[in-house]
Amino acid sequence: MDNEDDNEKTYWHQILGRLFEFLLVPVGISVFTDVKVVKKLPEADVILLRLDSENWTKEQRERLPDGIRDSATKYILIEFKATESINKNSFIQASWYEYSYKRSQKINDDEIQTFVMCAKQPQKVNREQYGYTIRVQPGIYQSTIIAYNHITLISLNELPNELHNAWVTCLASKKLKKIKAFNLLKDKGFNQIQKPFKEFLVELWGLISTKGDDDMTLELSPTEIKAIGDMWGVQYYSQEELDNLFNERLRGLKPEERLMGLKPKDRLAGLKPKDRLAGLKPKDRLADLKPEQLEEIEAYIKQRKQQSI
C-alpha cells in the first residue's frame, strides 16, 4: 500500500480494480478489489483476478497486459504501486499477501502468481538490489533472489505500446505513455467495450491528462472512484457524443501528442485525398505505391497527354 496521508490518499488500486471490472468481467474473469487475505484482519490493498476456466481464452488475452497474460495460474494477485517506487516493503508485503491468501483459501503454490505493478519506472540500481535483473520481456522482470523470485515485477512505462497493454499503461506515470495508451484505446479499443466503460475511460482521462511526468496525485475517495463511469447513466450519451467528449478532452495537447501511438495509416484516416497529400513532395506522394499502381498512374498520364494534343 502506498504511504500517503489518509486525508489526501487516492486508492489507486481501486481505480485499477474498477478498470479491470469493466474490462475483464464481461469476458469471464472474476475481479476482486480489497481482498481479505486473512479472515480476521482488514482488507488488503491488492487486486485479485480469478480465472474461471482452465486457460486464458483468446478474447481474455487481448485484454490482459504482458506478464499476466502469460501466466498459467488460476489466481493472479496484483499489488499496484502508483505514488511511490518499489522498496523492500513492497516485496515483503506482496509476499505476505500471497502467503496469507494461500493459507486462508487452502490453495497450492502453483495455483497463484503475484505481481507488483509499478506506475513509476523503477531505477535500474533500485530494481537490481532486489535481484530483478532478469528481463523476461520489455517491462517484465523476475528476481534472482529466492525470497522474491515468485513475484513478477511489471513496469508500466516500459511495456510495449500494444492495445492489450494500453488498458493498464493509461495509468503509467509518464505523460507521453498515457497519451499513447489513450490514443490506442480510442482508436482500437472503444469498439470492443460497452458504453459505461468508455465513459469511465473518458472521465479518467479528464482527471489525469493534465498531470506531468511522475505526478500521480489525485484526490478521489473510494465512493468517487466507484461513481466514475456510472455518473452519467448508459442512456445519456450516444456513441457520437461520447467520441466528441473524448475529443474535447484532447484539446490543449500538441498535435504530435494527439497522434502518438497511432500508425501512419491511422493518422491519415478520415482525411480527404488532397489533405493526405498536402505538403508532400512529388516523390513522397508516390512512396509505398506498388509497381502495378505506378504503371496505372503512368498509363493515365500518357492518356491525358494524348488527349491534350
C-alpha atoms as a PDB file:
ATOM      1  CA  MET A   1       0.000   0.000   0.000  1.00  0.00           C
ATOM      2  CA  ASP A   2       1.415   3.419  -0.928  1.00  0.00           C
ATOM      3  CA  ASN A   3       2.406   5.593   2.023  1.00  0.00           C
ATOM      4  CA  GLU A   4       0.243   8.682   1.789  1.00  0.00           C
ATOM      5  CA  ASP A   5      -1.547  10.875   4.264  1.00  0.00           C
ATOM      6  CA  ASP A   6      -5.052   9.470   4.740  1.00  0.00           C
ATOM      7  CA  ASN A   7      -6.637  12.853   4.052  1.00  0.00           C
ATOM      8  CA  GLU A   8      -5.008  13.054   0.616  1.00  0.00           C
ATOM      9  CA  LYS A   9      -4.980   9.383  -0.217  1.00  0.00           C
ATOM     10  CA  THR A  10      -6.214   8.165  -3.558  1.00  0.00           C
ATOM     11  CA  TYR A  11      -6.950   4.472  -3.654  1.00  0.00           C
ATOM     12  CA  TRP A  12      -5.125   3.780  -6.903  1.00  0.00           C
ATOM     13  CA  HIS A  13      -5.579   0.037  -6.580  1.00  0.00           C
ATOM     14  CA  GLN A  14      -9.335   0.689  -6.607  1.00  0.00           C
ATOM     15  CA  ILE A  15      -9.012   2.696  -9.825  1.00  0.00           C
ATOM     16  CA  LEU A  16      -7.118  -0.208 -11.387  1.00  0.00           C
ATOM     17  CA  GLY A  17      -9.639  -2.626  -9.907  1.00  0.00           C
ATOM     18  CA  ARG A  18     -12.557  -0.627 -11.318  1.00  0.00           C
ATOM     19  CA  LEU A  19     -10.874  -0.638 -14.717  1.00  0.00           C
ATOM     20  CA  PHE A  20     -10.373  -4.407 -14.519  1.00  0.00           C
ATOM     21  CA  GLU A  21     -14.033  -4.891 -13.529  1.00  0.00           C
ATOM     22  CA  PHE A  22     -15.214  -3.115 -16.674  1.00  0.00           C
ATOM     23  CA  LEU A  23     -12.597  -4.834 -18.834  1.00  0.00           C
ATOM     24  CA  LEU A  24     -12.399  -8.417 -17.612  1.00  0.00           C
ATOM     25  CA  VAL A  25     -15.709  -9.427 -16.025  1.00  0.00           C
ATOM     26  CA  PRO A  26     -17.511  -9.407 -19.432  1.00  0.00           C
ATOM     27  CA  VAL A  27     -15.003 -11.984 -20.736  1.00  0.00           C
ATOM     28  CA  GLY A  28     -15.327 -14.342 -17.780  1.00  0.00           C
ATOM     29  CA  ILE A  29     -12.550 -13.234 -15.413  1.00  0.00           C
ATOM     30  CA  SER A  30     -13.590 -12.559 -11.817  1.00  0.00           C
ATOM     31  CA  VAL A  31     -12.150  -9.366 -10.287  1.00  0.00           C
ATOM     32  CA  PHE A  32     -11.903  -8.693  -6.547  1.00  0.00           C
ATOM     33  CA  THR A  33     -10.675  -5.417  -5.043  1.00  0.00           C
ATOM     34  CA  ASP A  34      -9.748  -5.015  -1.348  1.00  0.00           C
ATOM     35  CA  VAL A  35      -9.220  -8.730  -0.861  1.00  0.00           C
ATOM     36  CA  LYS A  36      -9.452 -10.265   2.604  1.00  0.00           C
ATOM     37  CA  VAL A  37      -6.227 -12.256   2.634  1.00  0.00           C
ATOM     38  CA  VAL A  38      -6.862 -13.280   6.253  1.00  0.00           C
ATOM     39  CA  LYS A  39     -10.395 -13.602   7.599  1.00  0.00           C
ATOM     40  CA  LYS A  40      -9.854 -11.757  10.899  1.00  0.00           C
ATOM     41  CA  LEU A  41      -7.721  -8.900   9.527  1.00  0.00           C
ATOM     42  CA  PRO A  42      -8.627  -5.809   7.474  1.00  0.00           C
ATOM     43  CA  GLU A  43      -8.824  -5.968   3.704  1.00  0.00           C
ATOM     44  CA  ALA A  44      -5.568  -5.687   1.751  1.00  0.00           C
ATOM     45  CA  ASP A  45      -4.899  -3.081  -0.938  1.00  0.00           C
ATOM     46  CA  VAL A  46      -4.494  -5.673  -3.663  1.00  0.00           C
ATOM     47  CA  ILE A  47      -6.467  -6.858  -6.668  1.00  0.00           C
ATOM     48  CA  LEU A  48      -7.264 -10.495  -7.276  1.00  0.00           C
ATOM     49  CA  LEU A  49      -8.074 -11.890 -10.705  1.00  0.00           C
ATOM     50  CA  ARG A  50      -9.554 -15.371 -10.805  1.00  0.00           C
ATOM     51  CA  LEU A  51      -9.631 -17.416 -13.973  1.00  0.00           C
ATOM     52  CA  ASP A  52     -12.932 -19.280 -14.131  1.00  0.00           C
ATOM     53  CA  SER A  53     -11.826 -21.571 -16.970  1.00  0.00           C
ATOM     54  CA  GLU A  54      -8.805 -23.837 -17.426  1.00  0.00           C
ATOM     55  CA  ASN A  55      -6.780 -21.438 -19.598  1.00  0.00           C
ATOM     56  CA  TRP A  56      -6.969 -17.859 -20.846  1.00  0.00           C
ATOM     57  CA  THR A  57      -9.136 -17.563 -23.949  1.00  0.00           C
ATOM     58  CA  LYS A  58      -8.039 -15.500 -26.962  1.00  0.00           C
ATOM     59  CA  GLU A  59     -10.521 -12.772 -26.005  1.00  0.00           C
ATOM     60  CA  GLN A  60      -9.218 -12.681 -22.427  1.00  0.00           C
ATOM     61  CA  ARG A  61      -5.575 -12.475 -23.540  1.00  0.00           C
ATOM     62  CA  GLU A  62      -6.443  -9.491 -25.721  1.00  0.00           C
ATOM     63  CA  ARG A  63      -7.437  -7.613 -22.554  1.00  0.00           C
ATOM     64  CA  LEU A  64      -4.551  -8.630 -20.297  1.00  0.00           C
ATOM     65  CA  PRO A  65      -1.121  -6.960 -20.177  1.00  0.00           C
ATOM     66  CA  ASP A  66       2.183  -8.700 -20.804  1.00  0.00           C
ATOM     67  CA  GLY A  67       3.251 -10.848 -17.894  1.00  0.00           C
ATOM     68  CA  ILE A  68      -0.267 -11.517 -16.643  1.00  0.00           C
ATOM     69  CA  ARG A  69      -1.489 -12.847 -19.996  1.00  0.00           C
ATOM     70  CA  ASP A  70       1.486 -15.242 -19.961  1.00  0.00           C
ATOM     71  CA  SER A  71       0.634 -16.697 -16.551  1.00  0.00           C
ATOM     72  CA  ALA A  72      -0.864 -20.189 -16.352  1.00  0.00           C
ATOM     73  CA  THR A  73      -2.206 -19.926 -12.792  1.00  0.00           C
ATOM     74  CA  LYS A  74      -5.843 -19.756 -11.686  1.00  0.00           C
ATOM     75  CA  TYR A  75      -5.313 -16.842  -9.278  1.00  0.00           C
ATOM     76  CA  ILE A  76      -3.498 -13.570 -10.050  1.00  0.00           C
ATOM     77  CA  LEU A  77      -2.653 -11.286  -7.106  1.00  0.00           C
ATOM     78  CA  ILE A  78      -1.673  -7.704  -8.018  1.00  0.00           C
ATOM     79  CA  GLU A  79      -0.186  -5.042  -5.769  1.00  0.00           C
ATOM     80  CA  PHE A  80      -0.279  -1.700  -7.595  1.00  0.00           C
ATOM     81  CA  LYS A  81       2.410   0.852  -6.711  1.00  0.00           C
ATOM     82  CA  ALA A  82       1.230   4.211  -8.043  1.00  0.00           C
ATOM     83  CA  THR A  83       2.699   7.056  -5.999  1.00  0.00           C
ATOM     84  CA  GLU A  84       5.961   5.573  -4.779  1.00  0.00           C
ATOM     85  CA  SER A  85       8.736   3.466  -6.251  1.00  0.00           C
ATOM     86  CA  ILE A  86       9.480  -0.082  -5.219  1.00  0.00           C
ATOM     87  CA  ASN A  87      11.259  -0.771  -1.943  1.00  0.00           C
ATOM     88  CA  LYS A  88      11.905  -3.729   0.326  1.00  0.00           C
ATOM     89  CA  ASN A  89       8.489  -3.419   1.935  1.00  0.00           C
ATOM     90  CA  SER A  90       6.823  -3.703  -1.482  1.00  0.00           C
ATOM     91  CA  PHE A  91       8.008  -7.275  -1.862  1.00  0.00           C
ATOM     92  CA  ILE A  92       7.664  -8.228   1.806  1.00  0.00           C
ATOM     93  CA  GLN A  93       4.069  -7.018   1.743  1.00  0.00           C
ATOM     94  CA  ALA A  94       3.292  -8.765  -1.552  1.00  0.00           C
ATOM     95  CA  SER A  95       4.813 -11.993  -0.220  1.00  0.00           C
ATOM     96  CA  TRP A  96       2.721 -11.766   2.934  1.00  0.00           C
ATOM     97  CA  TYR A  97      -0.454 -11.137   0.928  1.00  0.00           C
ATOM     98  CA  GLU A  98       0.242 -14.200  -1.194  1.00  0.00           C
ATOM     99  CA  TYR A  99       1.164 -16.429   1.746  1.00  0.00           C
ATOM    100  CA  SER A 100      -1.872 -15.369   3.778  1.00  0.00           C
ATOM    101  CA  TYR A 101      -4.288 -15.764   0.892  1.00  0.00           C
ATOM    102  CA  LYS A 102      -2.952 -19.230   0.077  1.00  0.00           C
ATOM    103  CA  ARG A 103      -3.429 -20.333   3.681  1.00  0.00           C
ATOM    104  CA  SER A 104      -6.898 -18.847   4.080  1.00  0.00           C
ATOM    105  CA  GLN A 105      -8.141 -20.286   0.780  1.00  0.00           C
ATOM    106  CA  LYS A 106      -6.168 -23.543   1.016  1.00  0.00           C
ATOM    107  CA  ILE A 107      -4.616 -23.256  -2.444  1.00  0.00           C
ATOM    108  CA  ASN A 108      -1.254 -24.529  -3.673  1.00  0.00           C
ATOM    109  CA  ASP A 109       1.815 -22.550  -4.746  1.00  0.00           C
ATOM    110  CA  ASP A 110       1.310 -23.413  -8.417  1.00  0.00           C
ATOM    111  CA  GLU A 111      -2.256 -22.077  -8.381  1.00  0.00           C
ATOM    112  CA  ILE A 112      -1.356 -18.431  -7.700  1.00  0.00           C
ATOM    113  CA  GLN A 113       1.066 -15.857  -9.114  1.00  0.00           C
ATOM    114  CA  THR A 114       1.803 -12.476  -7.561  1.00  0.00           C
ATOM    115  CA  PHE A 115       2.671  -9.295  -9.451  1.00  0.00           C
ATOM    116  CA  VAL A 116       3.946  -5.929  -8.250  1.00  0.00           C
ATOM    117  CA  MET A 117       2.789  -3.423 -10.871  1.00  0.00           C
ATOM    118  CA  CYS A 118       4.570  -0.041 -10.884  1.00  0.00           C
ATOM    119  CA  ALA A 119       3.204   3.158 -12.383  1.00  0.00           C
ATOM    120  CA  LYS A 120       6.615   4.787 -11.934  1.00  0.00           C
ATOM    121  CA  GLN A 121       9.567   3.204 -13.704  1.00  0.00           C
ATOM    122  CA  PRO A 122      11.967   1.700 -11.139  1.00  0.00           C
ATOM    123  CA  GLN A 123      15.541   2.897 -11.420  1.00  0.00           C
ATOM    124  CA  LYS A 124      17.926   0.175 -12.567  1.00  0.00           C
ATOM    125  CA  VAL A 125      20.024   0.313  -9.382  1.00  0.00           C
ATOM    126  CA  ASN A 126      16.937   0.147  -7.186  1.00  0.00           C
ATOM    127  CA  ARG A 127      15.426  -2.704  -9.168  1.00  0.00           C
ATOM    128  CA  GLU A 128      18.606  -4.772  -9.237  1.00  0.00           C
ATOM    129  CA  GLN A 129      19.248  -4.549  -5.495  1.00  0.00           C
ATOM    130  CA  TYR A 130      16.196  -6.788  -5.086  1.00  0.00           C
ATOM    131  CA  GLY A 131      17.526  -9.172  -7.709  1.00  0.00           C
ATOM    132  CA  TYR A 132      15.290  -8.040 -10.561  1.00  0.00           C
ATOM    133  CA  THR A 133      17.954  -8.434 -13.236  1.00  0.00           C
ATOM    134  CA  ILE A 134      16.143 -10.931 -15.472  1.00  0.00           C
ATOM    135  CA  ARG A 135      14.230  -9.067 -18.179  1.00  0.00           C
ATOM    136  CA  VAL A 136      11.704 -11.626 -19.364  1.00  0.00           C
ATOM    137  CA  GLN A 137      10.330  -9.177 -21.926  1.00  0.00           C
ATOM    138  CA  PRO A 138      10.102  -5.369 -22.087  1.00  0.00           C
ATOM    139  CA  GLY A 139       8.726  -4.132 -18.765  1.00  0.00           C
ATOM    140  CA  ILE A 140       8.578  -7.606 -17.168  1.00  0.00           C
ATOM    141  CA  TYR A 141      11.234  -8.639 -14.620  1.00  0.00           C
ATOM    142  CA  GLN A 142      11.992 -11.682 -12.472  1.00  0.00           C
ATOM    143  CA  SER A 143      14.256 -11.749  -9.409  1.00  0.00           C
ATOM    144  CA  THR A 144      17.270 -13.988  -8.846  1.00  0.00           C
ATOM    145  CA  ILE A 145      16.779 -13.715  -5.070  1.00  0.00           C
ATOM    146  CA  ILE A 146      14.922 -16.759  -3.795  1.00  0.00           C
ATOM    147  CA  ALA A 147      12.764 -14.706  -1.405  1.00  0.00           C
ATOM    148  CA  TYR A 148      11.349 -12.650  -4.296  1.00  0.00           C
ATOM    149  CA  ASN A 149      11.589 -14.916  -7.348  1.00  0.00           C
ATOM    150  CA  HIS A 150       7.906 -15.854  -7.101  1.00  0.00           C
ATOM    151  CA  ILE A 151       6.920 -12.186  -7.549  1.00  0.00           C
ATOM    152  CA  THR A 152       6.886 -10.751 -11.074  1.00  0.00           C
ATOM    153  CA  LEU A 153       7.625  -7.025 -11.457  1.00  0.00           C
ATOM    154  CA  ILE A 154       5.701  -5.073 -14.114  1.00  0.00           C
ATOM    155  CA  SER A 155       6.904  -1.583 -15.083  1.00  0.00           C
ATOM    156  CA  LEU A 156       4.036   0.131 -16.927  1.00  0.00           C
ATOM    157  CA  ASN A 157       6.231   2.758 -18.589  1.00  0.00           C
ATOM    158  CA  GLU A 158       8.342   0.030 -20.208  1.00  0.00           C
ATOM    159  CA  LEU A 159       5.547  -2.116 -21.646  1.00  0.00           C
ATOM    160  CA  PRO A 160       5.260  -2.060 -25.475  1.00  0.00           C
ATOM    161  CA  ASN A 161       2.644   0.228 -26.988  1.00  0.00           C
ATOM    162  CA  GLU A 162       0.163  -2.508 -27.855  1.00  0.00           C
ATOM    163  CA  LEU A 163      -3.596  -2.487 -27.301  1.00  0.00           C
ATOM    164  CA  HIS A 164      -3.523  -5.334 -24.784  1.00  0.00           C
ATOM    165  CA  ASN A 165      -1.101  -3.267 -22.665  1.00  0.00           C
ATOM    166  CA  ALA A 166      -2.851   0.074 -23.189  1.00  0.00           C
ATOM    167  CA  TRP A 167      -5.683  -0.939 -20.855  1.00  0.00           C
ATOM    168  CA  VAL A 168      -3.217  -0.553 -17.951  1.00  0.00           C
ATOM    169  CA  THR A 169      -0.493   1.729 -19.371  1.00  0.00           C
ATOM    170  CA  CYS A 170      -3.094   4.509 -19.354  1.00  0.00           C
ATOM    171  CA  LEU A 171      -2.220   4.572 -15.615  1.00  0.00           C
ATOM    172  CA  ALA A 172       1.541   4.896 -16.200  1.00  0.00           C
ATOM    173  CA  SER A 173       3.296   7.898 -14.660  1.00  0.00           C
ATOM    174  CA  LYS A 174       4.872   9.259 -17.862  1.00  0.00           C
ATOM    175  CA  LYS A 175       2.635  11.707 -19.703  1.00  0.00           C
ATOM    176  CA  LEU A 176       3.586  10.559 -23.201  1.00  0.00           C
ATOM    177  CA  LYS A 177       2.998   6.925 -22.241  1.00  0.00           C
ATOM    178  CA  LYS A 178      -0.507   7.805 -21.063  1.00  0.00           C
ATOM    179  CA  ILE A 179      -1.204   9.743 -24.261  1.00  0.00           C
ATOM    180  CA  LYS A 180      -0.108   6.829 -26.432  1.00  0.00           C
ATOM    181  CA  ALA A 181      -2.266   4.457 -24.396  1.00  0.00           C
ATOM    182  CA  PHE A 182      -5.407   6.594 -24.580  1.00  0.00           C
ATOM    183  CA  ASN A 183      -4.922   7.156 -28.320  1.00  0.00           C
ATOM    184  CA  LEU A 184      -4.694   3.393 -28.814  1.00  0.00           C
ATOM    185  CA  LEU A 185      -7.807   2.829 -26.710  1.00  0.00           C
ATOM    186  CA  LYS A 186      -9.804   5.426 -28.602  1.00  0.00           C
ATOM    187  CA  ASP A 187      -8.592   4.216 -31.996  1.00  0.00           C
ATOM    188  CA  LYS A 188      -8.856   0.454 -31.474  1.00  0.00           C
ATOM    189  CA  GLY A 189     -10.235  -0.331 -28.030  1.00  0.00           C
ATOM    190  CA  PHE A 190     -13.505   1.585 -27.946  1.00  0.00           C
ATOM    191  CA  ASN A 191     -15.152  -0.715 -30.488  1.00  0.00           C
ATOM    192  CA  GLN A 192     -14.583  -3.687 -28.145  1.00  0.00           C
ATOM    193  CA  ILE A 193     -16.169  -2.329 -24.976  1.00  0.00           C
ATOM    194  CA  GLN A 194     -19.548  -1.196 -23.687  1.00  0.00           C
ATOM    195  CA  LYS A 195     -20.582   2.415 -23.185  1.00  0.00           C
ATOM    196  CA  PRO A 196     -20.176   2.560 -19.368  1.00  0.00           C
ATOM    197  CA  PHE A 197     -16.539   1.506 -19.713  1.00  0.00           C
ATOM    198  CA  LYS A 198     -15.983   4.136 -22.414  1.00  0.00           C
ATOM    199  CA  GLU A 199     -17.464   6.737 -20.072  1.00  0.00           C
ATOM    200  CA  PHE A 200     -15.128   5.540 -17.328  1.00  0.00           C
ATOM    201  CA  LEU A 201     -12.089   5.957 -19.611  1.00  0.00           C
ATOM    202  CA  VAL A 202     -13.206   9.392 -20.800  1.00  0.00           C
ATOM    203  CA  GLU A 203     -13.724  10.591 -17.233  1.00  0.00           C
ATOM    204  CA  LEU A 204     -10.420   9.054 -16.119  1.00  0.00           C
ATOM    205  CA  TRP A 205      -8.619  10.770 -18.985  1.00  0.00           C
ATOM    206  CA  GLY A 206     -10.113  14.087 -17.932  1.00  0.00           C
ATOM    207  CA  LEU A 207      -8.728  13.596 -14.424  1.00  0.00           C
ATOM    208  CA  ILE A 208      -5.166  12.594 -15.331  1.00  0.00           C
ATOM    209  CA  SER A 209      -4.496  14.227 -18.725  1.00  0.00           C
ATOM    210  CA  THR A 210      -3.220  17.456 -17.161  1.00  0.00           C
ATOM    211  CA  LYS A 211      -0.681  15.687 -14.948  1.00  0.00           C
ATOM    212  CA  GLY A 212       3.030  15.939 -15.720  1.00  0.00           C
ATOM    213  CA  ASP A 213       5.600  13.169 -15.591  1.00  0.00           C
ATOM    214  CA  ASP A 214       5.517  11.113 -12.378  1.00  0.00           C
ATOM    215  CA  ASP A 215       2.699  13.240 -10.935  1.00  0.00           C
ATOM    216  CA  MET A 216       0.277  10.661  -9.558  1.00  0.00           C
ATOM    217  CA  THR A 217      -1.521  12.992  -7.146  1.00  0.00           C
ATOM    218  CA  LEU A 218      -5.254  12.562  -7.408  1.00  0.00           C
ATOM    219  CA  GLU A 219      -7.776  13.220  -4.659  1.00  0.00           C
ATOM    220  CA  LEU A 220     -10.555  10.686  -5.034  1.00  0.00           C
ATOM    221  CA  SER A 221     -12.400   8.728  -2.382  1.00  0.00           C
ATOM    222  CA  PRO A 222     -13.416   5.092  -2.927  1.00  0.00           C
ATOM    223  CA  THR A 223     -17.008   6.277  -3.404  1.00  0.00           C
ATOM    224  CA  GLU A 224     -15.947   8.753  -6.101  1.00  0.00           C
ATOM    225  CA  ILE A 225     -13.906   6.076  -7.848  1.00  0.00           C
ATOM    226  CA  LYS A 226     -16.892   3.753  -7.799  1.00  0.00           C
ATOM    227  CA  ALA A 227     -19.015   6.514  -9.335  1.00  0.00           C
ATOM    228  CA  ILE A 228     -16.707   7.066 -12.313  1.00  0.00           C
ATOM    229  CA  GLY A 229     -18.457   5.592 -15.315  1.00  0.00           C
ATOM    230  CA  ASP A 230     -21.795   5.408 -13.512  1.00  0.00           C
ATOM    231  CA  MET A 231     -22.481   9.100 -13.022  1.00  0.00           C
ATOM    232  CA  TRP A 232     -23.997   9.799 -16.432  1.00  0.00           C
ATOM    233  CA  GLY A 233     -26.000   6.660 -16.956  1.00  0.00           C
ATOM    234  CA  VAL A 234     -25.904   4.469 -20.037  1.00  0.00           C
ATOM    235  CA  GLN A 235     -28.770   6.219 -21.787  1.00  0.00           C
ATOM    236  CA  TYR A 236     -27.384   9.759 -21.751  1.00  0.00           C
ATOM    237  CA  TYR A 237     -24.675   9.589 -24.423  1.00  0.00           C
ATOM    238  CA  SER A 238     -24.733   8.309 -27.965  1.00  0.00           C
ATOM    239  CA  GLN A 239     -21.534   6.908 -29.472  1.00  0.00           C
ATOM    240  CA  GLU A 240     -21.061  10.119 -31.478  1.00  0.00           C
ATOM    241  CA  GLU A 241     -21.496  12.267 -28.360  1.00  0.00           C
ATOM    242  CA  LEU A 242     -19.051  10.084 -26.461  1.00  0.00           C
ATOM    243  CA  ASP A 243     -16.448  10.414 -29.222  1.00  0.00           C
ATOM    244  CA  ASN A 244     -16.951  14.184 -29.210  1.00  0.00           C
ATOM    245  CA  LEU A 245     -16.496  14.273 -25.442  1.00  0.00           C
ATOM    246  CA  PHE A 246     -13.242  12.322 -25.709  1.00  0.00           C
ATOM    247  CA  ASN A 247     -12.025  14.696 -28.423  1.00  0.00           C
ATOM    248  CA  GLU A 248     -12.763  17.632 -26.143  1.00  0.00           C
ATOM    249  CA  ARG A 249     -10.528  16.019 -23.537  1.00  0.00           C
ATOM    250  CA  LEU A 250      -7.722  16.005 -26.134  1.00  0.00           C
ATOM    251  CA  ARG A 251      -7.868  19.767 -26.620  1.00  0.00           C
ATOM    252  CA  GLY A 252      -4.818  21.523 -25.307  1.00  0.00           C
ATOM    253  CA  LEU A 253      -2.466  18.741 -26.355  1.00  0.00           C
ATOM    254  CA  LYS A 254       0.135  19.369 -29.027  1.00  0.00           C
ATOM    255  CA  PRO A 255      -0.725  17.852 -32.446  1.00  0.00           C
ATOM    256  CA  GLU A 256       2.162  15.402 -32.207  1.00  0.00           C
ATOM    257  CA  GLU A 257       0.936  14.293 -28.761  1.00  0.00           C
ATOM    258  CA  ARG A 258      -2.557  13.607 -30.082  1.00  0.00           C
ATOM    259  CA  LEU A 259      -1.139  11.321 -32.774  1.00  0.00           C
ATOM    260  CA  MET A 260       1.249   9.372 -30.554  1.00  0.00           C
ATOM    261  CA  GLY A 261       0.684   5.639 -30.628  1.00  0.00           C
ATOM    262  CA  LEU A 262      -1.092   5.715 -33.998  1.00  0.00           C
ATOM    263  CA  LYS A 263       0.280   4.063 -37.116  1.00  0.00           C
ATOM    264  CA  PRO A 264       0.755   6.277 -40.229  1.00  0.00           C
ATOM    265  CA  LYS A 265      -2.355   4.853 -41.917  1.00  0.00           C
ATOM    266  CA  ASP A 266      -4.409   5.555 -38.783  1.00  0.00           C
ATOM    267  CA  ARG A 267      -3.114   9.128 -38.617  1.00  0.00           C
ATOM    268  CA  LEU A 268      -4.445   9.699 -42.150  1.00  0.00           C
ATOM    269  CA  ALA A 269      -7.795   8.024 -41.538  1.00  0.00           C
ATOM    270  CA  GLY A 270     -10.732  10.309 -42.315  1.00  0.00           C
ATOM    271  CA  LEU A 271      -8.706  12.783 -44.384  1.00  0.00           C
ATOM    272  CA  LYS A 272      -9.656  13.635 -47.965  1.00  0.00           C
ATOM    273  CA  PRO A 273      -7.114  12.548 -50.629  1.00  0.00           C
ATOM    274  CA  LYS A 274      -5.971  16.119 -51.239  1.00  0.00           C
ATOM    275  CA  ASP A 275      -5.465  16.654 -47.496  1.00  0.00           C
ATOM    276  CA  ARG A 276      -3.423  13.466 -47.207  1.00  0.00           C
ATOM    277  CA  LEU A 277      -1.072  14.730 -49.938  1.00  0.00           C
ATOM    278  CA  ALA A 278      -0.858  18.351 -48.773  1.00  0.00           C
ATOM    279  CA  GLY A 279       2.715  19.433 -48.101  1.00  0.00           C
ATOM    280  CA  LEU A 280       4.291  16.315 -49.600  1.00  0.00           C
ATOM    281  CA  LYS A 281       6.899  16.405 -52.359  1.00  0.00           C
ATOM    282  CA  PRO A 282       6.010  14.531 -55.594  1.00  0.00           C
ATOM    283  CA  LYS A 283       8.394  11.662 -54.775  1.00  0.00           C
ATOM    284  CA  ASP A 284       6.884  11.355 -51.284  1.00  0.00           C
ATOM    285  CA  ARG A 285       3.379  11.207 -52.711  1.00  0.00           C
ATOM    286  CA  LEU A 286       4.382   8.139 -54.731  1.00  0.00           C
ATOM    287  CA  ALA A 287       6.226   6.431 -51.889  1.00  0.00           C
ATOM    288  CA  ASP A 288       4.977   2.964 -50.891  1.00  0.00           C
ATOM    289  CA  LEU A 289       2.915   2.543 -54.075  1.00  0.00           C
ATOM    290  CA  LYS A 290       3.020  -0.910 -55.648  1.00  0.00           C
ATOM    291  CA  PRO A 291       4.596  -1.324 -59.150  1.00  0.00           C
ATOM    292  CA  GLU A 292       1.202  -2.008 -60.736  1.00  0.00           C
ATOM    293  CA  GLN A 293      -0.166   1.187 -59.175  1.00  0.00           C
ATOM    294  CA  LEU A 294       2.735   3.208 -60.591  1.00  0.00           C
ATOM    295  CA  GLU A 295       2.162   1.639 -64.025  1.00  0.00           C
ATOM    296  CA  GLU A 296      -1.507   2.562 -63.832  1.00  0.00           C
ATOM    297  CA  ILE A 297      -0.641   6.178 -62.976  1.00  0.00           C
ATOM    298  CA  GLU A 298       1.916   6.335 -65.799  1.00  0.00           C
ATOM    299  CA  ALA A 299      -0.615   4.986 -68.315  1.00  0.00           C
ATOM    300  CA  TYR A 300      -3.184   7.536 -67.143  1.00  0.00           C
ATOM    301  CA  ILE A 301      -0.704  10.419 -67.572  1.00  0.00           C
ATOM    302  CA  LYS A 302       0.155   9.254 -71.111  1.00  0.00           C
ATOM    303  CA  GLN A 303      -3.536   9.060 -71.958  1.00  0.00           C
ATOM    304  CA  ARG A 304      -4.126  12.613 -70.683  1.00  0.00           C
ATOM    305  CA  LYS A 305      -1.181  13.911 -72.710  1.00  0.00           C
ATOM    306  CA  GLN A 306      -2.514  12.302 -75.895  1.00  0.00           C
ATOM    307  CA  GLN A 307      -5.952  13.807 -75.307  1.00  0.00           C
ATOM    308  CA  SER A 308      -4.462  17.281 -74.935  1.00  0.00           C
ATOM    309  CA  ILE A 309      -2.582  17.106 -78.269  1.00  0.00           C
END
